Amino acid sequence: MPLSHRSPTLRPDRLRRGNTLHRLAKGWVVASFLGLVFSARGDSPSATTLAVLDAWFAAQKNLQTWSAEVHQTRWLPTFTQPLTSTGHVWVALPDRFRWELGRPAQTIAIRSPSDLVLLYPRLRRAERYPLKASATAPWREALALLEAGFPTRRETLLERFDVREPIRTNDLYLLVLTPRHPATRKLLTGISIHLDSRTYSLAGTEVTFADGMRMRSDFVDAVSNPTVENSLFEPDIDPTYKVTQPLGP
């Protein structure tokens, strides 16, 4: 599989039509983004929870750009072994990012203020997902989480997610967020966030989906406020690409 450094073992009894490279790639990338950006609401978080959240937001107060290497592991119900990949992510606050998976990049996602574009260079295909269209489908509700970028305010975070008591292990804090909106829960059931306990910088995420899929992303060699060229956030779609809008306007 192009997205994996391992060849997964298929279980024929559970394999379904539609588990194509296209579907795997799209799920891989969208899951990754949902794990990177948050908005969330909880019921009476503890003092410890509030202190960790406030320290996290304070650490991002002067953040304008961010980049990191990413190591990903993805568990699918139809595979007996996980899929793995490496890549890189660039973020420009408040509403732009570029995510590449594979070396060379086999899947690229670029988020602008108005849409999310997924590129598949080997297949010469591009998919465009408008973010501002008015709709209530679960995928749009989930993608709405992208609007907040890296969270900067406690109130905004607590509007959409329940936040469990942080767990500290070694040099990391683990925060578990549960979506409160019913439409969002149709797509994903939880997001686990790993923060460096000394700097409160983002160290990793894990997203659990309603269909049983799990995605873990570990970020290494992260750099705060690097110089990021605007061209990184402009999709390079030449005439050889077939461009579609899979989920409509």
C-alpha atoms as a PDB file:
ATOM      1  CA  MET A   1       0.000   0.000   0.000  1.00  0.00           C
ATOM      2  CA  PRO A   2       1.509   3.375  -0.955  1.00  0.00           C
ATOM      3  CA  LEU A   3       0.470   4.969   2.337  1.00  0.00           C
ATOM      4  CA  SER A   4       2.124   2.342   4.480  1.00  0.00           C
ATOM      5  CA  HIS A   5       5.628   1.145   5.189  1.00  0.00           C
ATOM      6  CA  ARG A   6       4.112  -2.231   5.983  1.00  0.00           C
ATOM      7  CA  SER A   7       1.908  -4.425   3.854  1.00  0.00           C
ATOM      8  CA  PRO A   8      -1.220  -5.042   5.941  1.00  0.00           C
ATOM      9  CA  THR A   9      -2.714  -8.513   6.146  1.00  0.00           C
ATOM     10  CA  LEU A  10      -6.278  -8.452   4.863  1.00  0.00           C
ATOM     11  CA  ARG A  11      -9.038 -10.423   6.531  1.00  0.00           C
ATOM     12  CA  PRO A  12     -11.214 -11.472   3.563  1.00  0.00           C
ATOM     13  CA  ASP A  13     -14.247 -12.140   5.735  1.00  0.00           C
ATOM     14  CA  ARG A  14     -14.337  -8.447   6.760  1.00  0.00           C
ATOM     15  CA  LEU A  15     -13.105  -6.737   3.624  1.00  0.00           C
ATOM     16  CA  ARG A  16     -15.816  -4.684   1.937  1.00  0.00           C
ATOM     17  CA  ARG A  17     -16.119  -3.125  -1.478  1.00  0.00           C
ATOM     18  CA  GLY A  18     -14.987   0.460  -1.414  1.00  0.00           C
ATOM     19  CA  ASN A  19     -11.772  -0.043   0.619  1.00  0.00           C
ATOM     20  CA  THR A  20      -9.794   1.439  -2.232  1.00  0.00           C
ATOM     21  CA  LEU A  21      -6.603   3.481  -2.136  1.00  0.00           C
ATOM     22  CA  HIS A  22      -8.753   6.582  -2.642  1.00  0.00           C
ATOM     23  CA  ARG A  23     -10.890   5.857   0.426  1.00  0.00           C
ATOM     24  CA  LEU A  24      -7.893   4.949   2.602  1.00  0.00           C
ATOM     25  CA  ALA A  25      -5.987   8.053   1.640  1.00  0.00           C
ATOM     26  CA  LYS A  26      -8.905  10.386   2.262  1.00  0.00           C
ATOM     27  CA  GLY A  27      -9.687   8.849   5.628  1.00  0.00           C
ATOM     28  CA  TRP A  28      -6.031   8.985   6.647  1.00  0.00           C
ATOM     29  CA  VAL A  29      -5.665  12.676   5.894  1.00  0.00           C
ATOM     30  CA  VAL A  30      -9.008  13.921   7.205  1.00  0.00           C
ATOM     31  CA  ALA A  31      -8.487  11.968  10.436  1.00  0.00           C
ATOM     32  CA  SER A  32      -5.109  13.598  10.840  1.00  0.00           C
ATOM     33  CA  PHE A  33      -6.491  17.104  10.521  1.00  0.00           C
ATOM     34  CA  LEU A  34      -9.275  16.464  12.952  1.00  0.00           C
ATOM     35  CA  GLY A  35      -6.626  15.448  15.421  1.00  0.00           C
ATOM     36  CA  LEU A  36      -4.655  18.626  14.952  1.00  0.00           C
ATOM     37  CA  VAL A  37      -7.301  21.272  15.419  1.00  0.00           C
ATOM     38  CA  PHE A  38      -9.870  21.579  18.105  1.00  0.00           C
ATOM     39  CA  SER A  39     -12.912  23.388  19.348  1.00  0.00           C
ATOM     40  CA  ALA A  40     -14.709  21.840  22.164  1.00  0.00           C
ATOM     41  CA  ARG A  41     -17.655  22.054  25.974  1.00  0.00           C
ATOM     42  CA  GLY A  42     -17.538  20.360  29.247  1.00  0.00           C
ATOM     43  CA  ASP A  43     -19.459  20.175  32.485  1.00  0.00           C
ATOM     44  CA  SER A  44     -17.659  21.813  35.416  1.00  0.00           C
ATOM     45  CA  PRO A  45     -14.035  20.887  34.576  1.00  0.00           C
ATOM     46  CA  SER A  46     -11.802  20.467  37.607  1.00  0.00           C
ATOM     47  CA  ALA A  47      -9.245  23.041  38.708  1.00  0.00           C
ATOM     48  CA  THR A  48      -6.481  20.750  37.420  1.00  0.00           C
ATOM     49  CA  THR A  49      -8.132  20.493  34.015  1.00  0.00           C
ATOM     50  CA  LEU A  50      -8.548  24.260  33.774  1.00  0.00           C
ATOM     51  CA  ALA A  51      -4.939  24.853  34.815  1.00  0.00           C
ATOM     52  CA  VAL A  52      -3.610  22.507  32.106  1.00  0.00           C
ATOM     53  CA  LEU A  53      -5.893  24.036  29.469  1.00  0.00           C
ATOM     54  CA  ASP A  54      -4.853  27.568  30.404  1.00  0.00           C
ATOM     55  CA  ALA A  55      -1.171  26.623  30.294  1.00  0.00           C
ATOM     56  CA  TRP A  56      -1.709  25.046  26.862  1.00  0.00           C
ATOM     57  CA  PHE A  57      -3.400  28.150  25.517  1.00  0.00           C
ATOM     58  CA  ALA A  58      -0.800  30.448  27.074  1.00  0.00           C
ATOM     59  CA  ALA A  59       1.953  28.501  25.313  1.00  0.00           C
ATOM     60  CA  GLN A  60       0.285  29.326  21.995  1.00  0.00           C
ATOM     61  CA  LYS A  61      -0.345  32.988  22.704  1.00  0.00           C
ATOM     62  CA  ASN A  62       2.360  34.210  20.345  1.00  0.00           C
ATOM     63  CA  LEU A  63       2.173  31.302  17.914  1.00  0.00           C
ATOM     64  CA  GLN A  64       1.797  32.342  14.279  1.00  0.00           C
ATOM     65  CA  THR A  65       3.245  29.378  12.395  1.00  0.00           C
ATOM     66  CA  TRP A  66       4.189  25.829  13.333  1.00  0.00           C
ATOM     67  CA  SER A  67       5.728  22.837  11.581  1.00  0.00           C
ATOM     68  CA  ALA A  68       6.703  19.305  12.533  1.00  0.00           C
ATOM     69  CA  GLU A  69       7.581  15.877  11.252  1.00  0.00           C
ATOM     70  CA  VAL A  70       4.724  13.458  11.782  1.00  0.00           C
ATOM     71  CA  HIS A  71       4.755   9.697  12.350  1.00  0.00           C
ATOM     72  CA  GLN A  72       1.355   8.125  11.954  1.00  0.00           C
ATOM     73  CA  THR A  73      -0.204   4.800  12.820  1.00  0.00           C
ATOM     74  CA  ARG A  74      -3.675   3.885  11.668  1.00  0.00           C
ATOM     75  CA  TRP A  75      -5.761   0.926  12.835  1.00  0.00           C
ATOM     76  CA  LEU A  76      -8.660  -0.182  10.608  1.00  0.00           C
ATOM     77  CA  PRO A  77     -11.252  -2.852  11.461  1.00  0.00           C
ATOM     78  CA  THR A  78     -10.644  -4.551   8.087  1.00  0.00           C
ATOM     79  CA  PHE A  79      -6.865  -4.987   8.613  1.00  0.00           C
ATOM     80  CA  THR A  80      -5.100  -7.232  11.099  1.00  0.00           C
ATOM     81  CA  GLN A  81      -2.028  -4.965  11.268  1.00  0.00           C
ATOM     82  CA  PRO A  82      -1.779  -1.170  11.424  1.00  0.00           C
ATOM     83  CA  LEU A  83      -0.789   1.070   8.549  1.00  0.00           C
ATOM     84  CA  THR A  84       2.134   3.415   9.142  1.00  0.00           C
ATOM     85  CA  SER A  85       3.466   6.467   7.357  1.00  0.00           C
ATOM     86  CA  THR A  86       5.627   9.537   7.876  1.00  0.00           C
ATOM     87  CA  GLY A  87       5.248  13.065   6.610  1.00  0.00           C
ATOM     88  CA  HIS A  88       5.310  16.736   7.486  1.00  0.00           C
ATOM     89  CA  VAL A  89       2.798  19.362   8.536  1.00  0.00           C
ATOM     90  CA  TRP A  90       2.889  23.172   8.313  1.00  0.00           C
ATOM     91  CA  VAL A  91       0.375  25.426  10.062  1.00  0.00           C
ATOM     92  CA  ALA A  92      -0.208  29.164   9.626  1.00  0.00           C
ATOM     93  CA  LEU A  93      -2.719  30.535  12.092  1.00  0.00           C
ATOM     94  CA  PRO A  94      -5.568  31.103  12.099  1.00  0.00           C
ATOM     95  CA  ASP A  95      -6.844  29.043   9.177  1.00  0.00           C
ATOM     96  CA  ARG A  96      -4.202  27.549   6.884  1.00  0.00           C
ATOM     97  CA  PHE A  97      -2.230  24.345   6.919  1.00  0.00           C
ATOM     98  CA  ARG A  98      -0.516  21.861   4.639  1.00  0.00           C
ATOM     99  CA  TRP A  99      -0.211  18.171   5.459  1.00  0.00           C
ATOM    100  CA  GLU A 100       1.905  15.751   3.434  1.00  0.00           C
ATOM    101  CA  LEU A 101       2.023  11.995   3.872  1.00  0.00           C
ATOM    102  CA  GLY A 102       4.613   9.755   2.274  1.00  0.00           C
ATOM    103  CA  ARG A 103       8.080  10.384   0.898  1.00  0.00           C
ATOM    104  CA  PRO A 104       7.716  11.554  -1.783  1.00  0.00           C
ATOM    105  CA  ALA A 105       4.302  12.921  -0.834  1.00  0.00           C
ATOM    106  CA  GLN A 106       1.524  10.590  -1.936  1.00  0.00           C
ATOM    107  CA  THR A 107      -1.296  12.479  -0.252  1.00  0.00           C
ATOM    108  CA  ILE A 108      -1.340  16.254   0.303  1.00  0.00           C
ATOM    109  CA  ALA A 109      -4.034  18.258   2.065  1.00  0.00           C
ATOM    110  CA  ILE A 110      -4.150  22.031   1.935  1.00  0.00           C
ATOM    111  CA  ARG A 111      -6.553  24.070   4.023  1.00  0.00           C
ATOM    112  CA  SER A 112      -7.435  27.646   3.112  1.00  0.00           C
ATOM    113  CA  PRO A 113     -10.035  29.932   4.706  1.00  0.00           C
ATOM    114  CA  SER A 114     -12.659  28.683   2.255  1.00  0.00           C
ATOM    115  CA  ASP A 115     -11.922  25.052   1.494  1.00  0.00           C
ATOM    116  CA  LEU A 116      -9.924  21.893   2.060  1.00  0.00           C
ATOM    117  CA  VAL A 117      -8.180  20.386  -0.977  1.00  0.00           C
ATOM    118  CA  LEU A 118      -6.868  16.816  -1.038  1.00  0.00           C
ATOM    119  CA  LEU A 119      -4.260  16.024  -3.691  1.00  0.00           C
ATOM    120  CA  TYR A 120      -3.190  12.550  -4.818  1.00  0.00           C
ATOM    121  CA  PRO A 121      -0.117  13.221  -7.029  1.00  0.00           C
ATOM    122  CA  ARG A 122       0.379   9.620  -8.151  1.00  0.00           C
ATOM    123  CA  LEU A 123      -3.249   9.315  -9.212  1.00  0.00           C
ATOM    124  CA  ARG A 124      -3.348  12.869 -10.643  1.00  0.00           C
ATOM    125  CA  ARG A 125      -6.534  13.522  -8.704  1.00  0.00           C
ATOM    126  CA  ALA A 126      -7.736  16.396  -6.552  1.00  0.00           C
ATOM    127  CA  GLU A 127     -10.779  16.679  -4.281  1.00  0.00           C
ATOM    128  CA  ARG A 128     -12.215  19.964  -3.053  1.00  0.00           C
ATOM    129  CA  TYR A 129     -14.304  20.291   0.129  1.00  0.00           C
ATOM    130  CA  PRO A 130     -15.881  23.729   0.714  1.00  0.00           C
ATOM    131  CA  LEU A 131     -15.826  24.620   4.409  1.00  0.00           C
ATOM    132  CA  LYS A 132     -18.287  27.490   4.419  1.00  0.00           C
ATOM    133  CA  ALA A 133     -21.197  25.816   2.672  1.00  0.00           C
ATOM    134  CA  SER A 134     -24.370  25.628   4.719  1.00  0.00           C
ATOM    135  CA  ALA A 135     -25.093  22.001   5.600  1.00  0.00           C
ATOM    136  CA  THR A 136     -25.550  19.805   8.641  1.00  0.00           C
ATOM    137  CA  ALA A 137     -23.962  16.563   7.432  1.00  0.00           C
ATOM    138  CA  PRO A 138     -21.672  14.910  10.016  1.00  0.00           C
ATOM    139  CA  TRP A 139     -18.551  15.427   7.903  1.00  0.00           C
ATOM    140  CA  ARG A 140     -19.224  19.154   7.697  1.00  0.00           C
ATOM    141  CA  GLU A 141     -19.756  19.391  11.444  1.00  0.00           C
ATOM    142  CA  ALA A 142     -16.453  17.590  11.967  1.00  0.00           C
ATOM    143  CA  LEU A 143     -14.633  19.763   9.455  1.00  0.00           C
ATOM    144  CA  ALA A 144     -16.039  22.804  11.264  1.00  0.00           C
ATOM    145  CA  LEU A 145     -13.542  21.975  14.004  1.00  0.00           C
ATOM    146  CA  LEU A 146     -10.887  23.148  11.576  1.00  0.00           C
ATOM    147  CA  GLU A 147     -12.197  26.696  11.794  1.00  0.00           C
ATOM    148  CA  ALA A 148     -10.774  27.217  15.285  1.00  0.00           C
ATOM    149  CA  GLY A 149      -7.176  26.387  14.387  1.00  0.00           C
ATOM    150  CA  PHE A 150      -4.968  25.671  17.385  1.00  0.00           C
ATOM    151  CA  PRO A 151      -7.148  26.531  20.393  1.00  0.00           C
ATOM    152  CA  THR A 152      -6.431  29.825  22.131  1.00  0.00           C
ATOM    153  CA  ARG A 153      -9.384  30.295  24.491  1.00  0.00           C
ATOM    154  CA  ARG A 154     -10.719  28.011  27.203  1.00  0.00           C
ATOM    155  CA  GLU A 155     -14.315  29.109  26.582  1.00  0.00           C
ATOM    156  CA  THR A 156     -14.158  28.178  22.917  1.00  0.00           C
ATOM    157  CA  LEU A 157     -12.769  24.746  23.687  1.00  0.00           C
ATOM    158  CA  LEU A 158     -15.364  23.974  26.332  1.00  0.00           C
ATOM    159  CA  GLU A 159     -18.271  24.870  24.059  1.00  0.00           C
ATOM    160  CA  ARG A 160     -18.027  21.702  21.970  1.00  0.00           C
ATOM    161  CA  PHE A 161     -16.178  19.032  23.936  1.00  0.00           C
ATOM    162  CA  ASP A 162     -16.256  17.384  27.318  1.00  0.00           C
ATOM    163  CA  VAL A 163     -12.702  17.380  28.662  1.00  0.00           C
ATOM    164  CA  ARG A 164     -11.655  14.635  31.043  1.00  0.00           C
ATOM    165  CA  GLU A 165      -9.248  15.085  33.942  1.00  0.00           C
ATOM    166  CA  PRO A 166      -5.696  15.255  32.502  1.00  0.00           C
ATOM    167  CA  ILE A 167      -3.446  12.248  33.065  1.00  0.00           C
ATOM    168  CA  ARG A 168       0.277  12.828  33.462  1.00  0.00           C
ATOM    169  CA  THR A 169       2.661  10.087  32.355  1.00  0.00           C
ATOM    170  CA  ASN A 170       6.398  10.719  32.257  1.00  0.00           C
ATOM    171  CA  ASP A 171       6.834  14.013  30.374  1.00  0.00           C
ATOM    172  CA  LEU A 172       3.360  14.142  28.819  1.00  0.00           C
ATOM    173  CA  TYR A 173      -0.131  15.248  29.717  1.00  0.00           C
ATOM    174  CA  LEU A 174      -2.983  13.277  28.174  1.00  0.00           C
ATOM    175  CA  LEU A 175      -6.218  15.170  27.507  1.00  0.00           C
ATOM    176  CA  VAL A 176      -9.265  13.266  26.256  1.00  0.00           C
ATOM    177  CA  LEU A 177     -11.924  15.289  24.435  1.00  0.00           C
ATOM    178  CA  THR A 178     -15.392  13.917  23.709  1.00  0.00           C
ATOM    179  CA  PRO A 179     -17.536  15.734  21.110  1.00  0.00           C
ATOM    180  CA  ARG A 180     -20.862  16.970  22.417  1.00  0.00           C
ATOM    181  CA  HIS A 181     -22.571  17.636  19.095  1.00  0.00           C
ATOM    182  CA  PRO A 182     -24.570  14.561  17.941  1.00  0.00           C
ATOM    183  CA  ALA A 183     -23.575  15.053  14.293  1.00  0.00           C
ATOM    184  CA  THR A 184     -19.890  15.092  15.204  1.00  0.00           C
ATOM    185  CA  ARG A 185     -20.248  11.905  17.240  1.00  0.00           C
ATOM    186  CA  LYS A 186     -21.567  10.158  14.133  1.00  0.00           C
ATOM    187  CA  LEU A 187     -18.082  10.523  12.698  1.00  0.00           C
ATOM    188  CA  LEU A 188     -15.690  10.541  15.650  1.00  0.00           C
ATOM    189  CA  THR A 189     -16.099   9.523  19.285  1.00  0.00           C
ATOM    190  CA  GLY A 190     -13.035  11.048  20.880  1.00  0.00           C
ATOM    191  CA  ILE A 191      -9.749  12.899  20.485  1.00  0.00           C
ATOM    192  CA  SER A 192      -6.760  12.265  22.749  1.00  0.00           C
ATOM    193  CA  ILE A 193      -4.201  15.060  22.917  1.00  0.00           C
ATOM    194  CA  HIS A 194      -0.643  14.572  24.153  1.00  0.00           C
ATOM    195  CA  LEU A 195       1.077  17.700  25.467  1.00  0.00           C
ATOM    196  CA  ASP A 196       4.664  18.132  26.586  1.00  0.00           C
ATOM    197  CA  SER A 197       4.329  18.645  30.358  1.00  0.00           C
ATOM    198  CA  ARG A 198       7.165  21.199  30.415  1.00  0.00           C
ATOM    199  CA  THR A 199       6.360  23.380  27.391  1.00  0.00           C
ATOM    200  CA  TYR A 200       2.690  22.436  26.835  1.00  0.00           C
ATOM    201  CA  SER A 201       3.441  22.073  23.144  1.00  0.00           C
ATOM    202  CA  LEU A 202       1.578  19.556  20.999  1.00  0.00           C
ATOM    203  CA  ALA A 203       3.342  16.182  21.031  1.00  0.00           C
ATOM    204  CA  GLY A 204       0.715  13.910  19.514  1.00  0.00           C
ATOM    205  CA  THR A 205      -2.932  13.141  18.932  1.00  0.00           C
ATOM    206  CA  GLU A 206      -5.135  10.084  18.626  1.00  0.00           C
ATOM    207  CA  VAL A 207      -8.558  10.146  16.992  1.00  0.00           C
ATOM    208  CA  THR A 208     -11.148   7.396  17.507  1.00  0.00           C
ATOM    209  CA  PHE A 209     -13.888   7.111  14.891  1.00  0.00           C
ATOM    210  CA  ALA A 210     -17.387   5.741  15.276  1.00  0.00           C
ATOM    211  CA  ASP A 211     -16.650   2.911  12.827  1.00  0.00           C
ATOM    212  CA  GLY A 212     -13.794   1.614  15.002  1.00  0.00           C
ATOM    213  CA  MET A 213     -10.917   3.199  13.106  1.00  0.00           C
ATOM    214  CA  ARG A 214      -8.138   4.786  15.191  1.00  0.00           C
ATOM    215  CA  MET A 215      -5.477   7.237  14.080  1.00  0.00           C
ATOM    216  CA  ARG A 216      -2.406   8.191  16.114  1.00  0.00           C
ATOM    217  CA  SER A 217      -0.090  11.024  15.058  1.00  0.00           C
ATOM    218  CA  ASP A 218       3.200  11.678  16.856  1.00  0.00           C
ATOM    219  CA  PHE A 219       4.906  14.995  16.140  1.00  0.00           C
ATOM    220  CA  VAL A 220       8.687  15.328  16.332  1.00  0.00           C
ATOM    221  CA  ASP A 221      11.184  18.096  15.614  1.00  0.00           C
ATOM    222  CA  ALA A 222       8.421  20.693  15.962  1.00  0.00           C
ATOM    223  CA  VAL A 223       9.363  24.326  15.298  1.00  0.00           C
ATOM    224  CA  SER A 224       7.367  27.316  16.522  1.00  0.00           C
ATOM    225  CA  ASN A 225       7.098  30.367  14.264  1.00  0.00           C
ATOM    226  CA  PRO A 226       9.232  29.113  11.377  1.00  0.00           C
ATOM    227  CA  THR A 227       9.281  31.063   8.124  1.00  0.00           C
ATOM    228  CA  VAL A 228       6.570  29.493   5.961  1.00  0.00           C
ATOM    229  CA  GLU A 229       6.076  30.550   2.354  1.00  0.00           C
ATOM    230  CA  ASN A 230       2.521  31.419   1.339  1.00  0.00           C
ATOM    231  CA  SER A 231       2.919  29.216  -1.734  1.00  0.00           C
ATOM    232  CA  LEU A 232       2.812  26.150   0.518  1.00  0.00           C
ATOM    233  CA  PHE A 233      -0.889  26.784   1.043  1.00  0.00           C
ATOM    234  CA  GLU A 234      -1.716  27.167  -2.644  1.00  0.00           C
ATOM    235  CA  PRO A 235      -2.651  23.855  -4.322  1.00  0.00           C
ATOM    236  CA  ASP A 236      -0.512  23.150  -7.379  1.00  0.00           C
ATOM    237  CA  ILE A 237      -3.151  21.593  -9.630  1.00  0.00           C
ATOM    238  CA  ASP A 238      -1.978  21.352 -13.218  1.00  0.00           C
ATOM    239  CA  PRO A 239      -4.188  20.398 -16.207  1.00  0.00           C
ATOM    240  CA  THR A 240      -3.321  16.695 -15.824  1.00  0.00           C
ATOM    241  CA  TYR A 241      -5.316  16.513 -12.557  1.00  0.00           C
ATOM    242  CA  LYS A 242      -8.939  15.416 -12.459  1.00  0.00           C
ATOM    243  CA  VAL A 243     -10.682  17.727  -9.951  1.00  0.00           C
ATOM    244  CA  THR A 244     -13.865  16.626  -8.186  1.00  0.00           C
ATOM    245  CA  GLN A 245     -16.057  17.854  -5.336  1.00  0.00           C
ATOM    246  CA  PRO A 246     -17.195  14.497  -3.885  1.00  0.00           C
ATOM    247  CA  LEU A 247     -19.697  15.720  -1.311  1.00  0.00           C
ATOM    248  CA  GLY A 248     -21.363  18.397  -3.382  1.00  0.00           C
ATOM    249  CA  PRO A 249     -21.569  22.170  -2.932  1.00  0.00           C
END
